[in-house]
Amino acid sequence: MTRPRSDLEQQARDFAAEITGLLNRTVTHGIHLSSWIDSKGNAIIRYRRNDSDALDDLIPLTVSQKRARFGLRIFHTLTLDDESKYLRNTQSAYVLATADGEAVFTYDFVRPAPNVYPEAHLHIDGKAESLQRLLDLSGQPERNSRRLHLPVGGRRFRPCLEDIIEFCVTERLVDARPGWEDVLSEARSRFHLQQLKAAVRRHPDAAIETLREANLT
């Protein structure tokens, strides 16, 4: 019974190192994400091992010693899959925020969703008058638009950290290191391949049918 826990610890450390490398090769300088096993036996990945709302949990988006204008909060809860072999993301959050800690938007993922909302969703955390007007016109003026859950691709096709980094760089919000495009392309391809493999493991009949239709079997 100890081997799955050991596998989870090692895979979580590897994943934390992968995220750390991605960030330091694109939009950060010398940061390090930590991983540990919590009291429930889940692996946790965060920048700081403390309250997730604390300002020092914010990863500064700067490639030098210059003061960052924006930051990222990154949180993952991980387990192993049903076969105790592959890493499974059960909950994650990517928050883009200003340097003083005010959230701009949040990509959330909760598996399985504990309510009627989609597992993968986006929150617009800042003031969004158009979204608030949707609620007002639908007779829900008491609701806050930042609590709306905008679906973003579901379990397999949800946005990844690479998408947020690309947004920050291409919109000229942050500076990036030379070659950041290649780093993101490689990392995103790896993420998509992992998701594809997971989908094939869960739906082998569909994979076989597709290969037959393409005359590859």
Protein backbone atom coordinates (compact mmCIF):
# COMPACT_ATOMS: atom_id res chain seq x y z
CA MET A 1 0.00 0.00 0.00
CA THR A 2 3.00 2.32 0.35
CA ARG A 3 4.04 2.19 -3.30
CA PRO A 4 1.11 4.23 -4.72
CA ARG A 5 1.81 6.97 -2.13
CA SER A 6 5.48 6.97 -3.11
CA ASP A 7 4.51 7.18 -6.77
CA LEU A 8 2.18 10.08 -6.03
CA GLU A 9 4.87 11.98 -4.14
CA GLN A 10 7.43 11.49 -6.90
CA GLN A 11 5.06 12.32 -9.75
CA ALA A 12 3.85 15.42 -7.91
CA ARG A 13 7.45 16.57 -7.40
CA ASP A 14 8.15 15.99 -11.07
CA PHE A 15 5.05 17.95 -12.07
CA ALA A 16 5.96 20.83 -9.75
CA ALA A 17 9.44 20.88 -11.30
CA GLU A 18 7.89 20.89 -14.78
CA ILE A 19 5.72 23.91 -13.96
CA THR A 20 8.67 25.64 -12.31
CA GLY A 21 10.79 25.11 -15.42
CA LEU A 22 8.04 26.35 -17.72
CA LEU A 23 7.64 29.59 -15.78
CA ASN A 24 11.36 30.28 -15.33
CA ARG A 25 12.00 29.71 -19.04
CA THR A 26 9.27 32.14 -20.07
CA VAL A 27 8.01 34.84 -17.67
CA THR A 28 9.54 34.41 -14.20
CA HIS A 29 12.92 34.57 -12.50
CA GLY A 30 14.15 31.98 -10.02
CA ILE A 31 10.80 30.90 -8.60
CA HIS A 32 10.16 27.41 -7.19
CA LEU A 33 6.87 25.57 -6.72
CA SER A 34 6.55 23.19 -3.76
CA SER A 35 4.73 19.88 -3.50
CA TRP A 36 3.67 17.90 -0.45
CA ILE A 37 1.13 15.32 0.71
CA ASP A 38 -1.74 16.70 2.80
CA SER A 39 -3.60 15.02 5.66
CA LYS A 40 -6.06 13.43 3.21
CA GLY A 41 -3.31 11.78 1.17
CA ASN A 42 -3.58 14.20 -1.75
CA ALA A 43 -0.56 15.83 -3.35
CA ILE A 44 -0.62 19.64 -3.23
CA ILE A 45 1.35 21.95 -5.50
CA ARG A 46 1.65 25.64 -4.63
CA TYR A 47 4.17 28.46 -4.71
CA ARG A 48 4.07 28.97 -0.96
CA ARG A 49 2.98 26.48 1.67
CA ASN A 50 0.53 28.81 3.40
CA ASP A 51 -2.88 30.46 3.07
CA SER A 52 -3.75 30.63 -0.66
CA ASP A 53 -5.07 34.18 -0.18
CA ALA A 54 -1.78 35.50 1.19
CA LEU A 55 0.02 38.02 -1.00
CA ASP A 56 3.29 36.10 -0.81
CA ASP A 57 1.59 33.18 -2.60
CA LEU A 58 1.59 35.35 -5.73
CA ILE A 59 4.26 34.35 -8.27
CA PRO A 60 5.79 37.60 -9.63
CA LEU A 61 5.69 37.76 -13.42
CA THR A 62 9.07 39.32 -14.09
CA VAL A 63 12.18 37.93 -15.77
CA SER A 64 14.55 40.22 -13.87
CA GLN A 65 14.89 41.91 -10.49
CA LYS A 66 12.48 44.59 -11.70
CA ARG A 67 9.28 44.86 -9.67
CA ALA A 68 6.47 42.82 -11.19
CA ARG A 69 3.20 44.47 -12.19
CA PHE A 70 1.29 41.18 -12.33
CA GLY A 71 1.44 37.78 -10.73
CA LEU A 72 0.03 34.26 -10.87
CA ARG A 73 -1.45 32.09 -8.17
CA ILE A 74 -1.15 28.40 -8.99
CA PHE A 75 -2.81 25.62 -7.05
CA HIS A 76 -3.13 21.88 -7.77
CA THR A 77 -4.62 18.98 -5.83
CA LEU A 78 -3.45 15.68 -7.31
CA THR A 79 -4.11 11.97 -6.81
CA LEU A 80 -3.31 8.85 -8.80
CA ASP A 81 -5.88 7.43 -11.20
CA ASP A 82 -8.01 4.34 -10.57
CA GLU A 83 -5.10 2.09 -11.57
CA SER A 84 -2.75 3.95 -9.15
CA LYS A 85 -0.45 4.61 -12.10
CA TYR A 86 -1.02 8.00 -13.67
CA LEU A 87 -1.22 11.41 -12.03
CA ARG A 88 -4.76 12.81 -11.87
CA ASN A 89 -5.65 16.47 -11.37
CA THR A 90 -8.67 16.66 -9.09
CA GLN A 91 -8.63 20.41 -8.46
CA SER A 92 -6.66 23.33 -9.81
CA ALA A 93 -6.77 27.09 -10.05
CA TYR A 94 -4.76 29.54 -12.13
CA VAL A 95 -5.32 33.13 -11.06
CA LEU A 96 -3.96 36.15 -12.92
CA ALA A 97 -3.73 39.08 -10.52
CA THR A 98 -2.20 42.51 -10.17
CA ALA A 99 0.94 42.81 -8.04
CA ASP A 100 -1.14 43.99 -5.07
CA GLY A 101 -3.08 40.73 -5.16
CA GLU A 102 -6.31 41.81 -6.88
CA ALA A 103 -7.53 38.93 -9.08
CA VAL A 104 -8.31 39.65 -12.73
CA PHE A 105 -9.52 36.24 -13.86
CA THR A 106 -9.41 32.67 -12.59
CA TYR A 107 -9.35 29.34 -14.42
CA ASP A 108 -10.87 26.77 -12.05
CA PHE A 109 -11.10 23.00 -12.39
CA VAL A 110 -12.87 20.69 -9.91
CA ARG A 111 -13.21 16.97 -10.58
CA PRO A 112 -15.93 15.90 -10.19
CA ALA A 113 -17.88 19.14 -9.90
CA PRO A 114 -19.67 19.32 -6.52
CA ASN A 115 -22.56 21.32 -8.00
CA VAL A 116 -24.38 22.00 -11.27
CA TYR A 117 -21.54 24.10 -12.70
CA PRO A 118 -19.01 22.76 -15.22
CA GLU A 119 -15.84 21.10 -13.96
CA ALA A 120 -13.64 23.50 -15.95
CA HIS A 121 -14.73 27.13 -15.85
CA LEU A 122 -13.57 30.73 -15.96
CA HIS A 123 -14.33 33.49 -13.45
CA ILE A 124 -13.97 37.13 -14.47
CA ASP A 125 -12.89 38.51 -11.12
CA GLY A 126 -12.70 42.20 -11.97
CA LYS A 127 -15.61 44.53 -12.60
CA ALA A 128 -17.56 43.23 -15.61
CA GLU A 129 -20.51 45.52 -16.29
CA SER A 130 -21.76 43.56 -19.31
CA LEU A 131 -21.82 40.29 -17.37
CA GLN A 132 -23.54 41.98 -14.44
CA ARG A 133 -26.16 43.31 -16.84
CA LEU A 134 -26.86 39.74 -17.96
CA LEU A 135 -27.74 38.92 -14.37
CA ASP A 136 -29.79 42.08 -13.92
CA LEU A 137 -31.82 41.43 -17.08
CA SER A 138 -32.42 37.80 -16.07
CA GLY A 139 -33.88 38.88 -12.74
CA GLN A 140 -30.82 37.99 -10.64
CA PRO A 141 -29.44 41.39 -9.63
CA GLU A 142 -28.37 40.02 -6.23
CA ARG A 143 -25.76 37.78 -7.85
CA ASN A 144 -22.22 39.03 -8.44
CA SER A 145 -20.89 38.61 -11.98
CA ARG A 146 -17.52 37.38 -10.67
CA ARG A 147 -19.27 34.22 -9.49
CA LEU A 148 -20.44 33.28 -12.96
CA HIS A 149 -18.96 29.99 -14.20
CA LEU A 150 -18.05 30.31 -17.88
CA PRO A 151 -17.44 26.81 -19.36
CA VAL A 152 -13.98 26.33 -20.91
CA GLY A 153 -13.62 23.02 -22.69
CA GLY A 154 -14.45 20.44 -20.05
CA ARG A 155 -12.22 17.86 -18.39
CA ARG A 156 -10.07 16.99 -21.41
CA PHE A 157 -9.97 20.22 -23.39
CA ARG A 158 -9.70 22.84 -20.67
CA PRO A 159 -7.21 25.72 -20.91
CA CYS A 160 -3.69 25.15 -19.64
CA LEU A 161 -1.12 27.32 -17.90
CA GLU A 162 0.62 27.83 -21.24
CA ASP A 163 -2.47 29.66 -22.53
CA ILE A 164 -2.31 32.20 -19.70
CA ILE A 165 1.41 32.77 -20.25
CA GLU A 166 0.79 33.31 -23.97
CA PHE A 167 -1.97 35.80 -23.19
CA CYS A 168 0.26 37.80 -20.86
CA VAL A 169 3.12 37.95 -23.38
CA THR A 170 1.21 38.56 -26.62
CA GLU A 171 -0.89 41.29 -24.99
CA ARG A 172 2.36 42.91 -23.78
CA LEU A 173 1.42 42.69 -20.12
CA VAL A 174 4.76 41.13 -19.17
CA ASP A 175 8.23 40.65 -20.63
CA ALA A 176 9.32 37.19 -21.73
CA ARG A 177 12.59 35.40 -22.17
CA PRO A 178 14.02 34.79 -25.66
CA GLY A 179 12.65 31.58 -27.13
CA TRP A 180 9.50 31.62 -25.00
CA GLU A 181 7.39 30.61 -28.01
CA ASP A 182 9.27 27.33 -28.44
CA VAL A 183 9.05 26.60 -24.71
CA LEU A 184 5.28 27.11 -24.73
CA SER A 185 4.80 25.09 -27.91
CA GLU A 186 6.69 22.14 -26.48
CA ALA A 187 4.92 22.29 -23.11
CA ARG A 188 1.46 22.72 -24.63
CA SER A 189 2.03 19.81 -27.01
CA ARG A 190 3.03 17.67 -24.04
CA PHE A 191 -0.13 18.64 -22.15
CA HIS A 192 -2.37 17.91 -25.15
CA LEU A 193 -0.68 14.54 -25.69
CA GLN A 194 -1.25 13.62 -22.05
CA GLN A 195 -4.90 14.54 -22.36
CA LEU A 196 -5.20 12.53 -25.57
CA LYS A 197 -3.66 9.47 -23.95
CA ALA A 198 -6.04 9.81 -21.00
CA ALA A 199 -9.01 10.05 -23.37
CA VAL A 200 -7.84 6.95 -25.26
CA ARG A 201 -7.49 4.98 -22.01
CA ARG A 202 -11.06 5.90 -21.07
CA HIS A 203 -12.50 5.41 -24.58
CA PRO A 204 -10.47 2.66 -26.30
CA ASP A 205 -13.34 1.63 -28.59
CA ALA A 206 -13.56 5.12 -30.06
CA ALA A 207 -9.79 5.16 -30.59
CA ILE A 208 -9.85 1.80 -32.37
CA GLU A 209 -12.76 2.89 -34.55
CA THR A 210 -10.94 6.08 -35.55
CA LEU A 211 -7.77 4.16 -36.44
CA ARG A 212 -9.77 1.72 -38.54
CA GLU A 213 -11.47 4.55 -40.39
CA ALA A 214 -8.03 5.99 -41.14
CA ASN A 215 -6.81 2.55 -42.30
CA LEU A 216 -4.14 2.54 -39.58
CA THR A 217 -5.08 -0.82 -38.05
